[in-house]
Amino acid sequence: MTNEEKQLIKECRIMIVGKGDFITYIKEELGKLDFCNIAEVEIGEIFNGQNKGILIEYTGSGLSQARDISSIPVIYPFDFVDGAGAIVVFPGDDTSWLEKQNVRQWTAEYMSGYCAFWNVEGYDWLHDALPAIKENNTSEAAIKTGAYMCARIAANIAVGREVKRYPRFYLCRNLE
């Protein structure tokens, strides 16, 4: 990365929604890219208790007091056991999918169906993982892969590169 890109990273505001071990791994990956001023906030404060977990806010210009997610990009990572996925939402984008009963399962089925419909090669692993996802299984390798993806997506947002936004998404088989 150039010095200019590193400065943009230090000054950006991005939120990443995650819970459990995602938090630890996401912080580690973002630290490698010089993101700073990380604050953890209960998601209930943002989503009126509809979702559980932790919201991590990254900002290089001091921690936001309002923590208003309607004005900044939000990345939603998912552990899909044999790999990971992520959805990026910018202000004004559709967020109705967050109201689904089981967002992780719905997202896995949505991404798997999309890949099947469009004959996207190399994503059979997601279809094969659906039973484990329905049983709420998790994978440390998938969490690490998701954290890596989030850091890269966050860096691309920070430096102004184009990123896929919902209804588009990111998928990656486990890196380990």
N, C-alpha and C. Protein backbone atom coordinates (compact mmCIF):
# COMPACT_ATOMS: atom_id res chain seq x y z
N MET A 1 0.83 -1.19 0.00
CA MET A 1 0.00 0.00 0.00
C MET A 1 0.87 1.25 0.00
N THR A 2 0.37 2.28 -0.63
CA THR A 2 1.09 3.53 -0.66
C THR A 2 0.89 4.27 0.67
N ASN A 3 1.70 5.28 0.92
CA ASN A 3 1.55 6.08 2.13
C ASN A 3 0.20 6.79 2.15
N GLU A 4 -0.24 7.23 0.97
CA GLU A 4 -1.54 7.89 0.86
C GLU A 4 -2.67 6.92 1.25
N GLU A 5 -2.60 5.69 0.78
CA GLU A 5 -3.62 4.69 1.13
C GLU A 5 -3.59 4.37 2.62
N LYS A 6 -2.40 4.29 3.19
CA LYS A 6 -2.29 4.04 4.64
C LYS A 6 -2.94 5.18 5.43
N GLN A 7 -2.78 6.41 4.97
CA GLN A 7 -3.40 7.55 5.65
C GLN A 7 -4.92 7.49 5.52
N LEU A 8 -5.42 7.11 4.36
CA LEU A 8 -6.87 6.96 4.17
C LEU A 8 -7.43 5.91 5.12
N ILE A 9 -6.70 4.82 5.31
CA ILE A 9 -7.14 3.77 6.24
C ILE A 9 -7.24 4.32 7.65
N LYS A 10 -6.27 5.12 8.05
CA LYS A 10 -6.28 5.66 9.41
C LYS A 10 -7.43 6.63 9.64
N GLU A 11 -7.96 7.21 8.57
CA GLU A 11 -9.00 8.23 8.71
C GLU A 11 -10.41 7.72 8.40
N CYS A 12 -10.57 6.48 8.04
CA CYS A 12 -11.89 6.01 7.60
C CYS A 12 -12.77 5.59 8.77
N ARG A 13 -14.06 5.52 8.48
CA ARG A 13 -15.04 5.00 9.43
C ARG A 13 -15.76 3.85 8.76
N ILE A 14 -15.64 2.68 9.33
CA ILE A 14 -16.30 1.48 8.81
C ILE A 14 -16.73 0.66 10.02
N MET A 15 -17.86 0.01 9.93
CA MET A 15 -18.29 -0.89 10.99
C MET A 15 -18.31 -2.30 10.45
N ILE A 16 -17.95 -3.22 11.31
CA ILE A 16 -18.02 -4.64 10.97
C ILE A 16 -18.80 -5.32 12.08
N VAL A 17 -19.86 -6.01 11.70
CA VAL A 17 -20.71 -6.69 12.66
C VAL A 17 -20.21 -8.12 12.78
N GLY A 18 -20.02 -8.56 14.01
CA GLY A 18 -19.58 -9.92 14.24
C GLY A 18 -19.81 -10.30 15.68
N LYS A 19 -19.58 -11.54 15.99
CA LYS A 19 -19.69 -11.96 17.38
C LYS A 19 -18.70 -13.06 17.66
N GLY A 20 -18.44 -13.28 18.90
CA GLY A 20 -17.55 -14.35 19.31
C GLY A 20 -16.13 -14.15 18.83
N ASP A 21 -15.54 -15.21 18.32
CA ASP A 21 -14.14 -15.17 17.89
C ASP A 21 -13.91 -14.27 16.69
N PHE A 22 -14.96 -13.93 15.94
CA PHE A 22 -14.78 -13.01 14.82
C PHE A 22 -14.10 -11.73 15.30
N ILE A 23 -14.51 -11.25 16.47
CA ILE A 23 -13.99 -9.99 17.00
C ILE A 23 -12.47 -10.04 17.13
N THR A 24 -11.97 -11.07 17.77
CA THR A 24 -10.53 -11.22 17.99
C THR A 24 -9.77 -11.27 16.68
N TYR A 25 -10.23 -12.10 15.77
CA TYR A 25 -9.53 -12.27 14.49
C TYR A 25 -9.65 -11.04 13.60
N ILE A 26 -10.80 -10.37 13.63
CA ILE A 26 -10.97 -9.17 12.82
C ILE A 26 -10.02 -8.08 13.32
N LYS A 27 -9.95 -7.90 14.63
CA LYS A 27 -9.03 -6.90 15.18
C LYS A 27 -7.59 -7.19 14.75
N GLU A 28 -7.20 -8.45 14.81
CA GLU A 28 -5.84 -8.85 14.43
C GLU A 28 -5.56 -8.50 12.97
N GLU A 29 -6.49 -8.86 12.09
CA GLU A 29 -6.30 -8.60 10.65
C GLU A 29 -6.30 -7.10 10.35
N LEU A 30 -7.18 -6.35 10.99
CA LEU A 30 -7.22 -4.92 10.75
C LEU A 30 -5.96 -4.23 11.26
N GLY A 31 -5.43 -4.72 12.37
CA GLY A 31 -4.18 -4.16 12.89
C GLY A 31 -3.04 -4.28 11.90
N LYS A 32 -3.04 -5.37 11.14
CA LYS A 32 -1.99 -5.56 10.13
C LYS A 32 -2.07 -4.51 9.02
N LEU A 33 -3.26 -3.91 8.86
CA LEU A 33 -3.46 -2.91 7.81
C LEU A 33 -3.51 -1.49 8.37
N ASP A 34 -3.08 -1.32 9.62
CA ASP A 34 -3.00 -0.01 10.27
C ASP A 34 -4.34 0.65 10.59
N PHE A 35 -5.41 -0.12 10.69
CA PHE A 35 -6.65 0.45 11.22
C PHE A 35 -6.42 0.69 12.71
N CYS A 36 -7.01 1.75 13.23
CA CYS A 36 -6.80 2.05 14.65
C CYS A 36 -8.10 2.52 15.28
N ASN A 37 -8.04 2.79 16.59
CA ASN A 37 -9.21 3.25 17.36
C ASN A 37 -10.40 2.30 17.20
N ILE A 38 -10.28 1.13 17.74
CA ILE A 38 -11.31 0.11 17.62
C ILE A 38 -12.16 0.12 18.88
N ALA A 39 -13.45 0.27 18.73
CA ALA A 39 -14.37 0.25 19.87
C ALA A 39 -15.38 -0.86 19.67
N GLU A 40 -15.65 -1.61 20.71
CA GLU A 40 -16.66 -2.66 20.65
C GLU A 40 -17.94 -2.14 21.30
N VAL A 41 -19.05 -2.41 20.64
CA VAL A 41 -20.35 -1.95 21.11
C VAL A 41 -21.34 -3.09 20.97
N GLU A 42 -22.20 -3.25 21.95
CA GLU A 42 -23.24 -4.28 21.84
C GLU A 42 -24.14 -3.94 20.65
N ILE A 43 -24.46 -4.91 19.85
CA ILE A 43 -25.30 -4.67 18.67
C ILE A 43 -26.68 -4.20 19.08
N GLY A 44 -27.15 -4.63 20.22
CA GLY A 44 -28.47 -4.20 20.69
C GLY A 44 -28.59 -2.69 20.75
N GLU A 45 -27.49 -1.99 20.99
CA GLU A 45 -27.51 -0.53 21.01
C GLU A 45 -27.80 0.03 19.63
N ILE A 46 -27.44 -0.71 18.61
CA ILE A 46 -27.60 -0.23 17.24
C ILE A 46 -28.88 -0.76 16.61
N PHE A 47 -29.16 -2.03 16.81
CA PHE A 47 -30.27 -2.69 16.14
C PHE A 47 -31.46 -2.97 17.06
N ASN A 48 -31.58 -2.21 18.14
CA ASN A 48 -32.69 -2.36 19.07
C ASN A 48 -32.89 -3.79 19.53
N GLY A 49 -31.80 -4.50 19.75
CA GLY A 49 -31.87 -5.86 20.28
C GLY A 49 -32.27 -6.91 19.28
N GLN A 50 -32.45 -6.57 18.00
CA GLN A 50 -32.88 -7.55 17.02
C GLN A 50 -31.81 -8.58 16.72
N ASN A 51 -30.54 -8.19 16.81
CA ASN A 51 -29.43 -9.09 16.56
C ASN A 51 -28.52 -9.10 17.77
N LYS A 52 -27.84 -10.19 17.97
CA LYS A 52 -26.92 -10.29 19.09
C LYS A 52 -25.49 -10.28 18.57
N GLY A 53 -24.58 -9.89 19.40
CA GLY A 53 -23.18 -9.90 19.02
C GLY A 53 -22.49 -8.61 19.37
N ILE A 54 -21.46 -8.34 18.67
CA ILE A 54 -20.64 -7.15 18.92
C ILE A 54 -20.52 -6.36 17.63
N LEU A 55 -20.56 -5.07 17.75
CA LEU A 55 -20.31 -4.19 16.61
C LEU A 55 -18.94 -3.58 16.84
N ILE A 56 -18.10 -3.63 15.85
CA ILE A 56 -16.78 -3.02 15.98
C ILE A 56 -16.75 -1.81 15.08
N GLU A 57 -16.34 -0.68 15.62
CA GLU A 57 -16.26 0.54 14.84
C GLU A 57 -14.80 0.90 14.66
N TYR A 58 -14.42 1.22 13.44
CA TYR A 58 -13.05 1.59 13.13
C TYR A 58 -13.05 3.03 12.67
N THR A 59 -12.32 3.88 13.33
CA THR A 59 -12.22 5.25 12.89
C THR A 59 -10.87 5.82 13.28
N GLY A 60 -10.24 6.48 12.39
CA GLY A 60 -8.93 7.04 12.65
C GLY A 60 -8.99 8.44 13.23
N SER A 61 -10.17 9.04 13.30
CA SER A 61 -10.27 10.41 13.78
C SER A 61 -10.97 10.50 15.12
N GLY A 62 -10.84 9.50 15.94
CA GLY A 62 -11.49 9.49 17.25
C GLY A 62 -12.76 8.66 17.20
N LEU A 63 -13.14 8.11 18.33
CA LEU A 63 -14.31 7.26 18.38
C LEU A 63 -15.59 8.08 18.25
N SER A 64 -16.48 7.62 17.44
CA SER A 64 -17.76 8.29 17.23
C SER A 64 -18.62 8.16 18.46
N GLN A 65 -19.25 9.23 18.87
CA GLN A 65 -20.16 9.19 20.00
C GLN A 65 -21.54 8.68 19.59
N ALA A 66 -21.98 9.08 18.40
CA ALA A 66 -23.33 8.72 17.96
C ALA A 66 -23.41 7.27 17.50
N ARG A 67 -22.36 6.75 16.94
CA ARG A 67 -22.34 5.39 16.39
C ARG A 67 -23.56 5.14 15.51
N ASP A 68 -23.80 6.05 14.60
CA ASP A 68 -24.93 5.99 13.70
C ASP A 68 -24.53 5.21 12.46
N ILE A 69 -25.04 3.97 12.34
CA ILE A 69 -24.64 3.14 11.20
C ILE A 69 -25.30 3.56 9.90
N SER A 70 -26.26 4.48 9.96
CA SER A 70 -26.93 4.88 8.73
C SER A 70 -26.04 5.75 7.85
N SER A 71 -24.90 6.20 8.38
CA SER A 71 -24.05 7.10 7.60
C SER A 71 -22.69 6.50 7.23
N ILE A 72 -22.46 5.23 7.54
CA ILE A 72 -21.17 4.62 7.20
C ILE A 72 -21.38 3.20 6.66
N PRO A 73 -20.41 2.68 5.89
CA PRO A 73 -20.51 1.31 5.38
C PRO A 73 -20.44 0.30 6.53
N VAL A 74 -21.18 -0.80 6.36
CA VAL A 74 -21.17 -1.88 7.34
C VAL A 74 -20.86 -3.19 6.62
N ILE A 75 -19.95 -3.97 7.19
CA ILE A 75 -19.59 -5.27 6.64
C ILE A 75 -20.14 -6.34 7.58
N TYR A 76 -20.84 -7.32 7.01
CA TYR A 76 -21.41 -8.43 7.77
C TYR A 76 -20.70 -9.72 7.35
N PRO A 77 -19.81 -10.26 8.20
CA PRO A 77 -19.14 -11.52 7.86
C PRO A 77 -19.94 -12.73 8.34
N PHE A 78 -19.75 -13.86 7.66
CA PHE A 78 -20.47 -15.08 8.02
C PHE A 78 -19.52 -16.28 8.02
N ASP A 79 -19.62 -17.09 9.05
CA ASP A 79 -18.90 -18.36 9.16
C ASP A 79 -19.78 -19.41 8.49
N PHE A 80 -19.32 -19.95 7.37
CA PHE A 80 -20.06 -20.99 6.66
C PHE A 80 -19.37 -22.34 6.77
N VAL A 81 -18.71 -22.60 7.86
CA VAL A 81 -18.06 -23.84 8.23
C VAL A 81 -16.88 -24.18 7.31
N ASP A 82 -17.14 -24.41 6.04
CA ASP A 82 -16.08 -24.76 5.10
C ASP A 82 -15.51 -23.54 4.38
N GLY A 83 -16.01 -22.39 4.72
CA GLY A 83 -15.56 -21.14 4.13
C GLY A 83 -16.27 -19.99 4.80
N ALA A 84 -16.16 -18.83 4.21
CA ALA A 84 -16.77 -17.64 4.80
C ALA A 84 -17.42 -16.80 3.71
N GLY A 85 -18.31 -15.94 4.14
CA GLY A 85 -18.96 -15.01 3.24
C GLY A 85 -19.04 -13.65 3.91
N ALA A 86 -19.30 -12.64 3.12
CA ALA A 86 -19.47 -11.29 3.65
C ALA A 86 -20.40 -10.50 2.75
N ILE A 87 -21.20 -9.66 3.38
CA ILE A 87 -22.09 -8.75 2.67
C ILE A 87 -21.73 -7.34 3.13
N VAL A 88 -21.65 -6.43 2.17
CA VAL A 88 -21.35 -5.03 2.46
C VAL A 88 -22.60 -4.21 2.19
N VAL A 89 -22.93 -3.35 3.14
CA VAL A 89 -24.08 -2.46 3.00
C VAL A 89 -23.60 -1.02 3.19
N PHE A 90 -23.91 -0.19 2.21
CA PHE A 90 -23.59 1.24 2.29
C PHE A 90 -24.86 1.99 2.70
N PRO A 91 -24.71 3.21 3.16
CA PRO A 91 -25.91 4.00 3.51
C PRO A 91 -26.90 4.04 2.35
N GLY A 92 -28.15 3.77 2.66
CA GLY A 92 -29.20 3.77 1.65
C GLY A 92 -29.44 2.43 0.98
N ASP A 93 -28.54 1.45 1.18
CA ASP A 93 -28.73 0.13 0.58
C ASP A 93 -29.83 -0.64 1.30
N ASP A 94 -30.38 -1.63 0.63
CA ASP A 94 -31.41 -2.49 1.20
C ASP A 94 -30.85 -3.30 2.37
N THR A 95 -31.53 -3.25 3.51
CA THR A 95 -31.13 -4.04 4.68
C THR A 95 -32.25 -4.95 5.15
N SER A 96 -33.27 -5.14 4.33
CA SER A 96 -34.41 -5.96 4.74
C SER A 96 -34.00 -7.40 5.04
N TRP A 97 -32.93 -7.88 4.43
CA TRP A 97 -32.47 -9.25 4.67
C TRP A 97 -32.03 -9.44 6.12
N LEU A 98 -31.68 -8.36 6.82
CA LEU A 98 -31.28 -8.47 8.23
C LEU A 98 -32.45 -8.84 9.14
N GLU A 99 -33.67 -8.72 8.63
CA GLU A 99 -34.85 -9.03 9.42
C GLU A 99 -35.23 -10.50 9.34
N LYS A 100 -34.50 -11.29 8.57
CA LYS A 100 -34.78 -12.72 8.43
C LYS A 100 -34.63 -13.41 9.78
N GLN A 101 -35.34 -14.50 9.97
CA GLN A 101 -35.33 -15.23 11.23
C GLN A 101 -33.93 -15.70 11.61
N ASN A 102 -33.26 -16.37 10.70
CA ASN A 102 -31.89 -16.85 10.93
C ASN A 102 -31.04 -16.28 9.79
N VAL A 103 -30.44 -15.13 10.05
CA VAL A 103 -29.73 -14.40 8.99
C VAL A 103 -28.59 -15.22 8.41
N ARG A 104 -27.84 -15.90 9.25
CA ARG A 104 -26.70 -16.70 8.75
C ARG A 104 -27.18 -17.80 7.80
N GLN A 105 -28.20 -18.54 8.19
CA GLN A 105 -28.72 -19.62 7.35
C GLN A 105 -29.33 -19.05 6.07
N TRP A 106 -30.11 -17.98 6.21
CA TRP A 106 -30.73 -17.37 5.03
C TRP A 106 -29.65 -16.91 4.05
N THR A 107 -28.60 -16.29 4.57
CA THR A 107 -27.52 -15.79 3.72
C THR A 107 -26.80 -16.92 3.01
N ALA A 108 -26.53 -18.01 3.73
CA ALA A 108 -25.87 -19.16 3.11
C ALA A 108 -26.73 -19.74 1.99
N GLU A 109 -28.03 -19.86 2.23
CA GLU A 109 -28.93 -20.39 1.21
C GLU A 109 -29.04 -19.43 0.02
N TYR A 110 -29.08 -18.13 0.29
CA TYR A 110 -29.14 -17.12 -0.76
C TYR A 110 -27.89 -17.20 -1.64
N MET A 111 -26.71 -17.22 -1.01
CA MET A 111 -25.46 -17.26 -1.76
C MET A 111 -25.31 -18.57 -2.53
N SER A 112 -25.70 -19.68 -1.91
CA SER A 112 -25.62 -20.98 -2.57
C SER A 112 -26.56 -21.03 -3.77
N GLY A 113 -27.77 -20.53 -3.58
CA GLY A 113 -28.74 -20.50 -4.68
C GLY A 113 -28.29 -19.61 -5.83
N TYR A 114 -27.71 -18.47 -5.50
CA TYR A 114 -27.19 -17.57 -6.51
C TYR A 114 -26.11 -18.27 -7.33
N CYS A 115 -25.17 -18.91 -6.63
CA CYS A 115 -24.07 -19.61 -7.32
C CYS A 115 -24.59 -20.73 -8.22
N ALA A 116 -25.60 -21.47 -7.72
CA ALA A 116 -26.18 -22.56 -8.51
C ALA A 116 -26.91 -22.01 -9.74
N PHE A 117 -27.71 -20.96 -9.55
CA PHE A 117 -28.48 -20.39 -10.65
C PHE A 117 -27.57 -19.88 -11.76
N TRP A 118 -26.48 -19.20 -11.37
CA TRP A 118 -25.58 -18.60 -12.36
C TRP A 118 -24.43 -19.52 -12.75
N ASN A 119 -24.48 -20.77 -12.31
CA ASN A 119 -23.44 -21.76 -12.62
C ASN A 119 -22.04 -21.26 -12.26
N VAL A 120 -21.93 -20.65 -11.09
CA VAL A 120 -20.64 -20.17 -10.62
C VAL A 120 -19.85 -21.38 -10.15
N GLU A 121 -18.68 -21.57 -10.71
CA GLU A 121 -17.86 -22.75 -10.38
C GLU A 121 -17.06 -22.52 -9.10
N GLY A 122 -16.80 -23.61 -8.40
CA GLY A 122 -15.94 -23.56 -7.22
C GLY A 122 -16.65 -23.27 -5.91
N TYR A 123 -17.98 -23.26 -5.91
CA TYR A 123 -18.70 -22.96 -4.68
C TYR A 123 -19.61 -24.09 -4.22
N ASP A 124 -19.33 -25.32 -4.69
CA ASP A 124 -20.09 -26.48 -4.22
C ASP A 124 -19.90 -26.67 -2.72
N TRP A 125 -18.76 -26.24 -2.20
CA TRP A 125 -18.48 -26.37 -0.77
C TRP A 125 -19.57 -25.70 0.07
N LEU A 126 -20.13 -24.58 -0.42
CA LEU A 126 -21.16 -23.88 0.34
C LEU A 126 -22.44 -24.69 0.39
N HIS A 127 -22.84 -25.23 -0.76
CA HIS A 127 -24.04 -26.08 -0.78
C HIS A 127 -23.85 -27.29 0.14
N ASP A 128 -22.66 -27.89 0.10
CA ASP A 128 -22.38 -29.06 0.93
C ASP A 128 -22.36 -28.70 2.42
N ALA A 129 -22.08 -27.45 2.75
CA ALA A 129 -22.01 -27.02 4.16
C ALA A 129 -23.37 -26.63 4.73
N LEU A 130 -24.40 -26.52 3.90
CA LEU A 130 -25.71 -26.08 4.39
C LEU A 130 -26.26 -26.90 5.56
N PRO A 131 -26.16 -28.24 5.55
CA PRO A 131 -26.65 -28.98 6.72
C PRO A 131 -25.92 -28.60 8.02
N ALA A 132 -24.61 -28.40 7.94
CA ALA A 132 -23.84 -28.01 9.13
C ALA A 132 -24.23 -26.60 9.58
N ILE A 133 -24.50 -25.72 8.63
CA ILE A 133 -24.91 -24.36 8.96
C ILE A 133 -26.28 -24.39 9.63
N LYS A 134 -27.20 -25.23 9.11
CA LYS A 134 -28.53 -25.36 9.72
C LYS A 134 -28.44 -25.89 11.15
N GLU A 135 -27.44 -26.71 11.42
CA GLU A 135 -27.22 -27.24 12.77
C GLU A 135 -26.45 -26.26 13.65
N ASN A 136 -26.16 -25.09 13.10
CA ASN A 136 -25.45 -24.01 13.79
C ASN A 136 -24.00 -24.36 14.14
N ASN A 137 -23.39 -25.24 13.34
CA ASN A 137 -21.98 -25.55 13.51
C ASN A 137 -21.14 -24.37 13.09
N THR A 138 -19.96 -24.27 13.67
CA THR A 138 -19.03 -23.20 13.31
C THR A 138 -17.65 -23.80 13.06
N SER A 139 -16.75 -22.97 12.57
CA SER A 139 -15.41 -23.43 12.26
C SER A 139 -14.42 -22.30 12.50
N GLU A 140 -13.37 -22.57 13.26
CA GLU A 140 -12.36 -21.55 13.49
C GLU A 140 -11.70 -21.13 12.18
N ALA A 141 -11.47 -22.09 11.30
CA ALA A 141 -10.86 -21.75 10.00
C ALA A 141 -11.77 -20.80 9.22
N ALA A 142 -13.08 -21.01 9.26
CA ALA A 142 -14.01 -20.13 8.55
C ALA A 142 -14.04 -18.74 9.19
N ILE A 143 -13.95 -18.69 10.50
CA ILE A 143 -13.93 -17.40 11.20
C ILE A 143 -12.67 -16.62 10.82
N LYS A 144 -11.52 -17.31 10.77
CA LYS A 144 -10.27 -16.65 10.37
C LYS A 144 -10.35 -16.17 8.92
N THR A 145 -10.93 -16.99 8.05
CA THR A 145 -11.10 -16.62 6.65
C THR A 145 -12.00 -15.39 6.54
N GLY A 146 -13.10 -15.39 7.28
CA GLY A 146 -14.01 -14.25 7.28
C GLY A 146 -13.36 -12.98 7.79
N ALA A 147 -12.53 -13.10 8.82
CA ALA A 147 -11.82 -11.94 9.36
C ALA A 147 -10.86 -11.37 8.32
N TYR A 148 -10.15 -12.24 7.64
CA TYR A 148 -9.23 -11.82 6.59
C TYR A 148 -9.99 -11.08 5.48
N MET A 149 -11.12 -11.66 5.07
CA MET A 149 -11.95 -11.03 4.04
C MET A 149 -12.40 -9.64 4.47
N CYS A 150 -12.86 -9.52 5.73
CA CYS A 150 -13.35 -8.24 6.24
C CYS A 150 -12.26 -7.18 6.20
N ALA A 151 -11.06 -7.55 6.61
CA ALA A 151 -9.96 -6.59 6.61
C ALA A 151 -9.67 -6.10 5.19
N ARG A 152 -9.67 -7.00 4.24
CA ARG A 152 -9.39 -6.62 2.86
C ARG A 152 -10.52 -5.76 2.29
N ILE A 153 -11.75 -6.12 2.60
CA ILE A 153 -12.89 -5.32 2.13
C ILE A 153 -12.83 -3.93 2.76
N ALA A 154 -12.57 -3.87 4.07
CA ALA A 154 -12.47 -2.59 4.77
C ALA A 154 -11.38 -1.71 4.16
N ALA A 155 -10.24 -2.30 3.84
CA ALA A 155 -9.15 -1.54 3.23
C ALA A 155 -9.58 -1.00 1.86
N ASN A 156 -10.27 -1.82 1.08
CA ASN A 156 -10.74 -1.37 -0.23
C ASN A 156 -11.74 -0.22 -0.11
N ILE A 157 -12.63 -0.31 0.87
CA ILE A 157 -13.58 0.78 1.11
C ILE A 157 -12.81 2.04 1.50
N ALA A 158 -11.86 1.90 2.41
CA ALA A 158 -11.11 3.05 2.93
C ALA A 158 -10.36 3.81 1.84
N VAL A 159 -9.80 3.09 0.89
CA VAL A 159 -8.99 3.75 -0.14
C VAL A 159 -9.81 4.10 -1.39
N GLY A 160 -11.11 3.81 -1.36
CA GLY A 160 -11.98 4.22 -2.44
C GLY A 160 -12.10 3.26 -3.60
N ARG A 161 -11.67 2.02 -3.41
CA ARG A 161 -11.83 1.02 -4.47
C ARG A 161 -13.28 0.55 -4.50
N GLU A 162 -13.70 0.07 -5.64
CA GLU A 162 -15.05 -0.46 -5.76
C GLU A 162 -15.16 -1.76 -4.99
N VAL A 163 -16.26 -1.93 -4.28
CA VAL A 163 -16.52 -3.18 -3.56
C VAL A 163 -17.92 -3.67 -3.92
N LYS A 164 -18.11 -4.96 -3.77
CA LYS A 164 -19.42 -5.56 -4.02
C LYS A 164 -20.35 -5.15 -2.87
N ARG A 165 -21.55 -4.72 -3.23
CA ARG A 165 -22.54 -4.32 -2.24
C ARG A 165 -23.77 -5.19 -2.41
N TYR A 166 -24.49 -5.42 -1.29
CA TYR A 166 -25.70 -6.22 -1.35
C TYR A 166 -26.61 -5.69 -2.45
N PRO A 167 -27.12 -6.56 -3.32
CA PRO A 167 -27.27 -8.00 -3.19
C PRO A 167 -26.07 -8.84 -3.62
N ARG A 168 -24.99 -8.19 -4.06
CA ARG A 168 -23.76 -8.93 -4.37
C ARG A 168 -23.07 -9.27 -3.05
N PHE A 169 -22.09 -10.14 -3.10
CA PHE A 169 -21.48 -10.63 -1.86
C PHE A 169 -20.10 -11.18 -2.14
N TYR A 170 -19.41 -11.54 -1.07
CA TYR A 170 -18.08 -12.16 -1.14
C TYR A 170 -18.17 -13.57 -0.57
N LEU A 171 -17.47 -14.50 -1.20
CA LEU A 171 -17.37 -15.88 -0.72
C LEU A 171 -15.94 -16.35 -0.86
N CYS A 172 -15.51 -17.15 0.09
CA CYS A 172 -14.16 -17.71 0.01
C CYS A 172 -14.11 -19.03 0.78
N ARG A 173 -13.59 -20.05 0.14
CA ARG A 173 -13.35 -21.31 0.84
C ARG A 173 -12.27 -21.06 1.89
N ASN A 174 -12.28 -21.84 2.97
CA ASN A 174 -11.30 -21.65 4.04
C ASN A 174 -9.89 -21.57 3.50
N LEU A 175 -9.15 -20.63 4.04
CA LEU A 175 -7.77 -20.41 3.59
C LEU A 175 -6.80 -21.39 4.22
N GLU A 176 -7.19 -22.02 5.31
CA GLU A 176 -6.30 -22.97 6.00
C GLU A 176 -6.58 -24.38 5.59
